[in-house]
Every structure is written in structure tokens, then in C-alpha cells.
Amino acid sequence: MNLPLPGTRPRRVAAWALVPLLALTACGPGTGDGTAAAGVPASAAPSQDPVAAVRKVDSVAALLPAEVREAGTLRIGSAIGSPPGAYYPDGPDKAPAGQDIDLADAVAKVLGLKTERQDASFETILPALGSGKYDVGTGNFGVTAERLRTIDFVTYINDGQGFAVREGDTTLGTRVTRLTQLCGLTIGTGAGTTFEATLTAQRDVCAEDGRKPYEVKVYSENAATLTALQQGRIDVIMSTINGLRHQAAQPASRTTFLGEYHRLDVGFAFKKGSPLTRAFRAAVDHLIDDGTYARILAKWGTTASAIDASRINPPEHTPES
């Protein structure tokens, strides 16, 4: 988890409880229409607008490449999934909302840029950055050693990996701390995510322990994952800490959050060598300093994942860190 950096201010963030349904935003898939499984509608977006007061900061905007300043537009590839990250509270024909939406809009305002947001499936965004289709990608992208080979990141939150089960299921106790606890179970997660990568990389741990392997089922939509859990086709969900915590707080989801498994920094994603990273880091730091960042996280109930300063390409957290 992130600790205060030397010379940075301690966080002053007031939390309030937001309990949206289907909060499965991930270092994972951004598909789905923002509606809940089992016929339950998605939750309404909070009414606060902490981004409204944000203004351009000339000293930060000066860090942009000249061609971007002249164009005046930031092309964002945005994975829209579920709250609190990004979802459609009023349906896919209306504007999306969420923590990622607010933070990207606030950064753009600090930089004096307009946003041109293009919805895209999670697994397509990172490759599209390299082709120049987008200037930046958002989708609760976790910073991993594998991704750092081809992608630059500017961090804005500390989230990570966790697990959830059906309400009343005590098979795994109150927390998953090692993957061998999952032996013999079926795990549902998102395609192209850090969760899928973790489960795949460690798929032999059960055999090494002399136990039946776990099975992994991959879903392209968050709603499908929750429906599979509710219907008993999977035993456990692996997704984001913030998403699963929020989901479990909504009674209609009928899930129980099993705690943090592995923390990860989350960041705006760029093609390798992008000249935009310095400006983005300065913009995030400005939002932290002036309190806008705290207000955005409080709005979406993610205060516990706040960082004290943005970083460019930090190393991946190890499970022991």
C-alpha cells in the first residue's frame, strides 16, 4: 500500500459511504451497460460535482507538448463498466459517471484541454494506445511489471485485487490470503485483467500442494460475473478491492467481500515514451494539493485508496509489500 512520500502533505479526506450495485470495475473489463444482474437497476450517480470548480493551471499546462496544447483536445479511450470507476447510471445513451470519469475530466481542465471520450472494451485500450488511436486510456488499469514493458502509467489511486462470495457462504472464511484456499473451487473474473493473469500464473499451486486445482471462468461483462455467482455457476469472484467492497455494501448484490489480497497502483495509461506523462502527473498532484482529489474520492467512496502524490511508472507492488 502507498505510504506518504517525503515532503508530501498527509491526506485530509472525509469519507462518506457510497454503496452502488455491481461495483466490479477492475484492473479489468470495461464492458457492460452499467445495469445490474438479476433485473436490479444500476444505482444513481451522486449529485456532487467537485470537478465544476477546477480551472486551468498555466504552469501545469505548459508541460504539455506544443501540438497537444494547440489541438486543445485529449482523446481518451475509456472502459465503461460499473461503479465506482465508470458506468452508465442513466443508460448507455446518456453520459457515463464514476471516479475515473471525474478524475480524467479534472485533469483535462487543469491542462486546459477538452475531452474526446471514446468508449472501448477494456482489453482493446492498451494496444490502441500504441497505435495512436488514443492519447490516454482509463479503466482502472493496475500497474504491473508486464504492462510496464509496453505502457507508461501516471498513478492516481491505490486499489488492487480481492475476492467475494455469495452472502452466507463461509467456505473461505472471512479472508483469502493465499490462492491455495481456492483449490477445488471455480473462480469468475474478467478477460484480460490482472486477476486472470494472477490466477493463470499460479495455476499449479494446488497441484504442488497435493490438492485439486481451481478452475477459472472468464467473463467479458461484469454483470455476467455476478449473475454466475448468484446462480452458483462459480464459487467466488476475483476483482477490484474497491469494486467488491462497494458491491457487498449493496444488499441486492447478496455478496460478501473477503478482504484485500494484493494491492496495486492504478493509473492513467499511455503509449511507451509518451510526452504527456509529466503534465498528467503535475495535474494529479495539483488536484491532490487543492483538495479536488479528496472531494472526488469522497464522492465515490474510495477515500481509503487515496495516494499522496502521483508517480510515473512505479514498480509493481509485490504481495509482501
Protein backbone atom coordinates (compact mmCIF):
# COMPACT_ATOMS: atom_id res chain seq x y z
CA MET A 1 0.00 0.00 0.00
CA ASN A 2 1.13 3.59 -0.58
CA LEU A 3 2.71 5.46 2.30
CA PRO A 4 3.20 9.24 2.47
CA LEU A 5 6.21 10.34 0.48
CA PRO A 6 8.81 12.64 1.99
CA GLY A 7 7.75 16.25 1.64
CA THR A 8 4.13 15.48 0.82
CA ARG A 9 1.17 16.55 2.85
CA PRO A 10 -0.79 13.99 4.86
CA ARG A 11 -4.17 13.17 3.38
CA ARG A 12 -7.16 15.12 4.56
CA VAL A 13 -10.05 13.19 3.05
CA ALA A 14 -13.51 12.91 4.54
CA ALA A 15 -15.16 9.61 3.67
CA TRP A 16 -18.82 9.01 3.12
CA ALA A 17 -20.50 5.77 2.23
CA LEU A 18 -21.47 5.12 -1.35
CA VAL A 19 -22.97 1.73 -1.97
CA PRO A 20 -23.60 1.15 -5.69
CA LEU A 21 -24.58 -2.23 -7.05
CA LEU A 22 -22.36 -4.30 -9.29
CA ALA A 23 -19.23 -2.43 -8.35
CA LEU A 24 -16.92 -4.68 -10.32
CA THR A 25 -14.79 -2.12 -12.06
CA ALA A 26 -11.44 -3.69 -12.44
CA CYS A 27 -7.90 -3.63 -13.35
CA GLY A 28 -10.27 -5.41 -15.64
CA PRO A 29 -13.07 -5.35 -18.16
CA GLY A 30 -14.92 -2.21 -19.02
CA THR A 31 -17.75 -3.73 -20.97
CA GLY A 32 -21.32 -3.79 -19.83
CA ASP A 33 -24.10 -1.24 -19.78
CA GLY A 34 -23.97 -0.29 -16.14
CA THR A 35 -27.10 -2.20 -15.22
CA ALA A 36 -27.15 -4.83 -12.54
CA ALA A 37 -27.67 -8.53 -12.86
CA ALA A 38 -30.91 -10.28 -11.88
CA GLY A 39 -33.04 -7.35 -13.01
CA VAL A 40 -31.78 -4.88 -10.40
CA PRO A 41 -31.14 -1.38 -11.87
CA ALA A 42 -27.79 0.36 -11.53
CA SER A 43 -27.53 2.92 -8.76
CA ALA A 44 -27.93 6.62 -9.42
CA ALA A 45 -24.81 8.74 -9.55
CA PRO A 46 -24.03 11.02 -6.59
CA SER A 47 -25.12 14.59 -7.20
CA GLN A 48 -21.94 16.40 -6.12
CA ASP A 49 -19.78 17.97 -8.83
CA PRO A 50 -16.28 18.60 -7.43
CA VAL A 51 -14.94 18.99 -10.97
CA ALA A 52 -17.03 22.08 -11.71
CA ALA A 53 -14.69 24.47 -9.89
CA VAL A 54 -11.48 23.18 -11.49
CA ARG A 55 -9.65 25.71 -13.63
CA LYS A 56 -6.68 25.67 -15.99
CA VAL A 57 -3.26 25.96 -14.33
CA ASP A 58 -0.89 27.61 -16.78
CA SER A 59 2.30 26.26 -15.19
CA VAL A 60 0.98 22.70 -15.50
CA ALA A 61 -0.43 23.16 -19.00
CA ALA A 62 2.99 24.43 -20.09
CA LEU A 63 4.31 20.87 -19.61
CA LEU A 64 2.15 19.64 -22.50
CA PRO A 65 3.68 19.06 -25.93
CA ALA A 66 3.04 22.04 -28.19
CA GLU A 67 0.95 20.02 -30.62
CA VAL A 68 -1.42 18.88 -27.86
CA ARG A 69 -1.81 22.42 -26.49
CA GLU A 70 -2.58 23.67 -30.00
CA ALA A 71 -5.07 20.88 -30.70
CA GLY A 72 -6.78 21.57 -27.38
CA THR A 73 -8.31 18.11 -27.20
CA LEU A 74 -7.46 14.99 -25.25
CA ARG A 75 -8.52 11.70 -26.85
CA ILE A 76 -9.47 9.27 -24.08
CA GLY A 77 -10.08 5.56 -24.56
CA SER A 78 -12.45 4.83 -21.70
CA ALA A 79 -13.57 1.44 -20.40
CA ILE A 80 -17.08 1.85 -19.00
CA GLY A 81 -18.04 -0.92 -16.60
CA SER A 82 -19.59 -0.42 -13.16
CA PRO A 83 -19.38 1.97 -10.22
CA PRO A 84 -17.37 3.39 -8.61
CA GLY A 85 -14.90 3.55 -11.54
CA ALA A 86 -17.04 4.25 -14.61
CA TYR A 87 -20.58 3.25 -15.51
CA TYR A 88 -23.83 4.45 -17.08
CA PRO A 89 -26.18 5.46 -14.25
CA ASP A 90 -28.87 6.53 -16.72
CA GLY A 91 -28.26 4.02 -19.51
CA PRO A 92 -25.71 3.80 -22.34
CA ASP A 93 -27.36 6.60 -24.31
CA LYS A 94 -26.52 9.07 -21.50
CA ALA A 95 -23.20 10.34 -20.16
CA PRO A 96 -21.07 7.97 -18.06
CA ALA A 97 -20.17 8.74 -14.45
CA GLY A 98 -17.67 7.50 -11.93
CA GLN A 99 -14.36 8.12 -10.23
CA ASP A 100 -12.33 7.60 -13.44
CA ILE A 101 -14.61 9.97 -15.35
CA ASP A 102 -14.30 12.73 -12.75
CA LEU A 103 -10.53 12.40 -12.38
CA ALA A 104 -9.91 12.42 -16.14
CA ASP A 105 -12.19 15.44 -16.58
CA ALA A 106 -10.49 17.28 -13.71
CA VAL A 107 -7.02 16.60 -15.12
CA ALA A 108 -8.14 17.81 -18.55
CA LYS A 109 -9.46 21.06 -17.04
CA VAL A 110 -6.17 21.68 -15.21
CA LEU A 111 -4.40 21.19 -18.54
CA GLY A 112 -6.81 23.46 -20.38
CA LEU A 113 -7.97 20.65 -22.69
CA LYS A 114 -11.35 19.41 -23.83
CA THR A 115 -12.01 15.69 -23.62
CA GLU A 116 -12.98 13.48 -26.53
CA ARG A 117 -14.03 10.28 -24.80
CA GLN A 118 -14.41 7.08 -26.80
CA ASP A 119 -15.93 4.07 -25.05
CA ALA A 120 -13.92 0.92 -25.63
CA SER A 121 -13.68 -2.59 -24.24
CA PHE A 122 -11.01 -2.92 -21.58
CA GLU A 123 -8.79 -5.38 -23.43
CA THR A 124 -8.56 -3.19 -26.56
CA ILE A 125 -7.42 0.06 -24.96
CA LEU A 126 -3.77 -0.66 -24.16
CA PRO A 127 -2.95 -1.98 -27.66
CA ALA A 128 -4.76 1.01 -29.18
CA LEU A 129 -2.53 3.44 -27.27
CA GLY A 130 0.47 2.12 -29.16
CA SER A 131 -1.24 2.70 -32.50
CA GLY A 132 -2.02 6.31 -31.59
CA LYS A 133 -5.80 5.88 -31.53
CA TYR A 134 -5.99 7.40 -28.03
CA ASP A 135 -3.78 9.84 -26.12
CA VAL A 136 -4.64 8.21 -22.78
CA GLY A 137 -6.55 5.20 -21.53
CA THR A 138 -8.73 4.89 -18.43
CA GLY A 139 -10.26 1.75 -16.98
CA ASN A 140 -8.81 1.24 -13.51
CA PHE A 141 -5.63 -0.11 -15.10
CA GLY A 142 -3.38 -1.70 -12.50
CA VAL A 143 0.37 -1.08 -12.78
CA THR A 144 2.12 -4.41 -13.33
CA ALA A 145 5.63 -5.35 -14.39
CA GLU A 146 4.23 -6.96 -17.54
CA ARG A 147 2.30 -3.86 -18.58
CA LEU A 148 5.24 -1.56 -17.83
CA ARG A 149 7.13 -3.19 -20.68
CA THR A 150 4.87 -1.52 -23.23
CA ILE A 151 2.81 1.09 -21.35
CA ASP A 152 3.60 4.21 -19.31
CA PHE A 153 1.46 4.96 -16.27
CA VAL A 154 0.68 8.04 -14.21
CA THR A 155 -0.84 6.86 -10.93
CA TYR A 156 -3.97 8.31 -9.37
CA ILE A 157 -5.20 5.71 -6.85
CA ASN A 158 -4.14 2.60 -4.97
CA ASP A 159 -6.58 -0.28 -5.47
CA GLY A 160 -5.86 -3.93 -6.19
CA GLN A 161 -7.16 -7.48 -6.04
CA GLY A 162 -9.77 -9.02 -3.77
CA PHE A 163 -12.39 -11.75 -3.58
CA ALA A 164 -16.12 -12.01 -2.92
CA VAL A 165 -18.55 -14.87 -2.39
CA ARG A 166 -22.29 -15.29 -2.15
CA GLU A 167 -23.79 -13.92 1.03
CA GLY A 168 -23.81 -16.64 3.68
CA ASP A 169 -21.07 -18.73 2.04
CA THR A 170 -18.46 -19.47 4.72
CA THR A 171 -16.31 -21.89 2.69
CA LEU A 172 -13.40 -19.45 2.53
CA GLY A 173 -13.85 -17.92 5.96
CA THR A 174 -13.56 -14.15 6.22
CA ARG A 175 -10.49 -13.51 4.05
CA VAL A 176 -8.46 -15.02 1.20
CA THR A 177 -4.74 -14.60 1.85
CA ARG A 178 -3.33 -17.35 -0.39
CA LEU A 179 -4.53 -18.96 -3.61
CA THR A 180 -4.38 -22.47 -2.17
CA GLN A 181 -7.55 -21.55 -0.29
CA LEU A 182 -9.28 -21.65 -3.68
CA CYS A 183 -8.26 -25.22 -4.55
CA GLY A 184 -11.20 -27.20 -5.92
CA LEU A 185 -13.34 -24.07 -6.41
CA THR A 186 -14.46 -22.22 -9.55
CA ILE A 187 -13.37 -18.59 -9.79
CA GLY A 188 -15.02 -15.99 -12.01
CA THR A 189 -13.04 -12.99 -13.27
CA GLY A 190 -12.66 -10.63 -16.21
CA ALA A 191 -10.90 -11.20 -19.52
CA GLY A 192 -7.50 -9.55 -19.94
CA THR A 193 -7.31 -8.49 -16.31
CA THR A 194 -4.61 -8.65 -13.66
CA PHE A 195 -6.88 -11.14 -11.92
CA GLU A 196 -6.85 -13.55 -14.86
CA ALA A 197 -3.07 -13.13 -15.14
CA THR A 198 -2.54 -13.84 -11.43
CA LEU A 199 -4.73 -16.94 -11.47
CA THR A 200 -3.09 -18.23 -14.63
CA ALA A 201 0.45 -17.64 -13.38
CA GLN A 202 -0.28 -19.50 -10.15
CA ARG A 203 -2.41 -22.29 -11.60
CA ASP A 204 -0.04 -25.01 -10.35
CA VAL A 205 -0.13 -24.05 -6.67
CA CYS A 206 -2.88 -26.53 -5.83
CA ALA A 207 -1.19 -29.48 -7.55
CA GLU A 208 2.04 -28.60 -5.76
CA ASP A 209 0.07 -28.73 -2.51
CA GLY A 210 -1.43 -32.09 -3.45
CA ARG A 211 -4.91 -30.67 -3.92
CA LYS A 212 -7.46 -30.39 -6.71
CA PRO A 213 -6.75 -27.36 -8.97
CA TYR A 214 -9.08 -24.39 -9.04
CA GLU A 215 -10.98 -23.63 -12.24
CA VAL A 216 -11.13 -20.17 -13.79
CA LYS A 217 -14.09 -18.89 -15.79
CA VAL A 218 -13.55 -15.62 -17.66
CA TYR A 219 -16.35 -13.17 -18.41
CA SER A 220 -16.37 -10.15 -20.69
CA GLU A 221 -19.08 -8.33 -18.73
CA ASN A 222 -19.23 -7.53 -15.04
CA ALA A 223 -22.95 -8.27 -14.80
CA ALA A 224 -22.39 -11.76 -16.17
CA THR A 225 -19.83 -12.48 -13.44
CA LEU A 226 -22.20 -11.52 -10.65
CA THR A 227 -25.07 -13.44 -12.23
CA ALA A 228 -22.86 -16.54 -12.43
CA LEU A 229 -22.07 -16.18 -8.73
CA GLN A 230 -25.69 -15.72 -7.76
CA GLN A 231 -26.71 -18.76 -9.81
CA GLY A 232 -23.97 -20.95 -8.33
CA ARG A 233 -22.02 -21.45 -11.57
CA ILE A 234 -18.93 -20.01 -9.87
CA ASP A 235 -17.94 -20.10 -6.21
CA VAL A 236 -16.01 -16.86 -5.89
CA ILE A 237 -15.31 -13.63 -7.79
CA MET A 238 -11.85 -12.10 -8.09
CA SER A 239 -11.98 -8.39 -8.91
CA THR A 240 -11.01 -4.98 -7.57
CA ILE A 241 -10.87 -4.19 -3.87
CA ASN A 242 -12.93 -1.02 -4.25
CA GLY A 243 -15.44 -2.60 -6.59
CA LEU A 244 -16.09 -5.68 -4.49
CA ARG A 245 -16.26 -3.68 -1.26
CA HIS A 246 -18.88 -1.35 -2.73
CA GLN A 247 -20.79 -4.23 -4.25
CA ALA A 248 -21.01 -6.07 -0.94
CA ALA A 249 -22.38 -2.92 0.72
CA GLN A 250 -25.41 -3.09 -1.61
CA PRO A 251 -27.91 -5.62 -0.18
CA ALA A 252 -29.32 -6.51 -3.61
CA SER A 253 -25.95 -7.93 -4.72
CA ARG A 254 -26.08 -10.60 -1.99
CA THR A 255 -22.28 -10.86 -1.78
CA THR A 256 -19.66 -10.80 0.96
CA PHE A 257 -16.27 -9.14 0.45
CA LEU A 258 -13.34 -11.28 1.61
CA GLY A 259 -10.77 -8.55 2.04
CA GLU A 260 -7.66 -7.37 0.25
CA TYR A 261 -5.44 -9.93 -1.44
CA HIS A 262 -2.88 -7.83 -3.35
CA ARG A 263 -2.64 -4.04 -3.65
CA LEU A 264 -1.81 -2.40 -6.98
CA ASP A 265 -1.25 1.18 -8.06
CA VAL A 266 -3.79 2.27 -10.67
CA GLY A 267 -3.00 4.86 -13.30
CA PHE A 268 -3.77 6.66 -16.49
CA ALA A 269 -2.26 4.62 -19.32
CA PHE A 270 -0.13 5.95 -22.19
CA LYS A 271 1.92 4.54 -25.02
CA LYS A 272 5.54 3.93 -24.05
CA GLY A 273 7.56 7.13 -24.18
CA SER A 274 4.50 9.39 -24.26
CA PRO A 275 5.36 13.08 -23.73
CA LEU A 276 2.11 13.54 -21.79
CA THR A 277 3.13 11.81 -18.57
CA ARG A 278 4.89 14.76 -16.89
CA ALA A 279 1.91 17.04 -17.46
CA PHE A 280 -0.54 14.42 -16.17
CA ARG A 281 1.49 13.78 -13.04
CA ALA A 282 1.66 17.51 -12.32
CA ALA A 283 -2.08 17.83 -12.89
CA VAL A 284 -2.91 14.97 -10.50
CA ASP A 285 -0.57 16.46 -7.87
CA HIS A 286 -2.27 19.83 -8.27
CA LEU A 287 -5.68 18.22 -7.70
CA ILE A 288 -4.32 16.49 -4.59
CA ASP A 289 -2.90 19.76 -3.26
CA ASP A 290 -6.01 21.86 -3.83
CA GLY A 291 -8.41 19.29 -2.33
CA THR A 292 -10.30 18.41 -5.51
CA TYR A 293 -8.86 14.90 -5.50
CA ALA A 294 -10.10 14.28 -1.94
CA ARG A 295 -13.56 15.52 -2.85
CA ILE A 296 -13.75 13.24 -5.90
CA LEU A 297 -12.74 10.17 -3.90
CA ALA A 298 -15.16 11.08 -1.11
CA LYS A 299 -17.93 11.37 -3.69
CA TRP A 300 -17.29 7.82 -4.90
CA GLY A 301 -16.49 6.26 -1.55
CA THR A 302 -12.88 5.38 -2.38
CA THR A 303 -11.08 7.52 0.17
CA ALA A 304 -9.20 4.53 1.60
CA SER A 305 -7.39 4.17 -1.74
CA ALA A 306 -6.10 7.75 -1.89
CA ILE A 307 -2.46 8.43 -2.73
CA ASP A 308 -0.39 11.38 -1.51
CA ALA A 309 1.44 12.05 -4.76
CA SER A 310 1.26 10.78 -8.32
CA ARG A 311 4.11 8.71 -9.74
CA ILE A 312 5.23 7.83 -13.24
CA ASN A 313 5.85 4.10 -13.78
CA PRO A 314 6.26 2.94 -10.17
CA PRO A 315 7.33 -0.70 -9.79
CA GLU A 316 4.59 -3.23 -9.25
CA HIS A 317 3.79 -3.95 -5.64
CA THR A 318 4.83 -7.40 -4.55
CA PRO A 319 2.42 -9.37 -2.35
CA GLU A 320 4.80 -8.83 0.57
CA SER A 321 4.97 -5.05 0.18
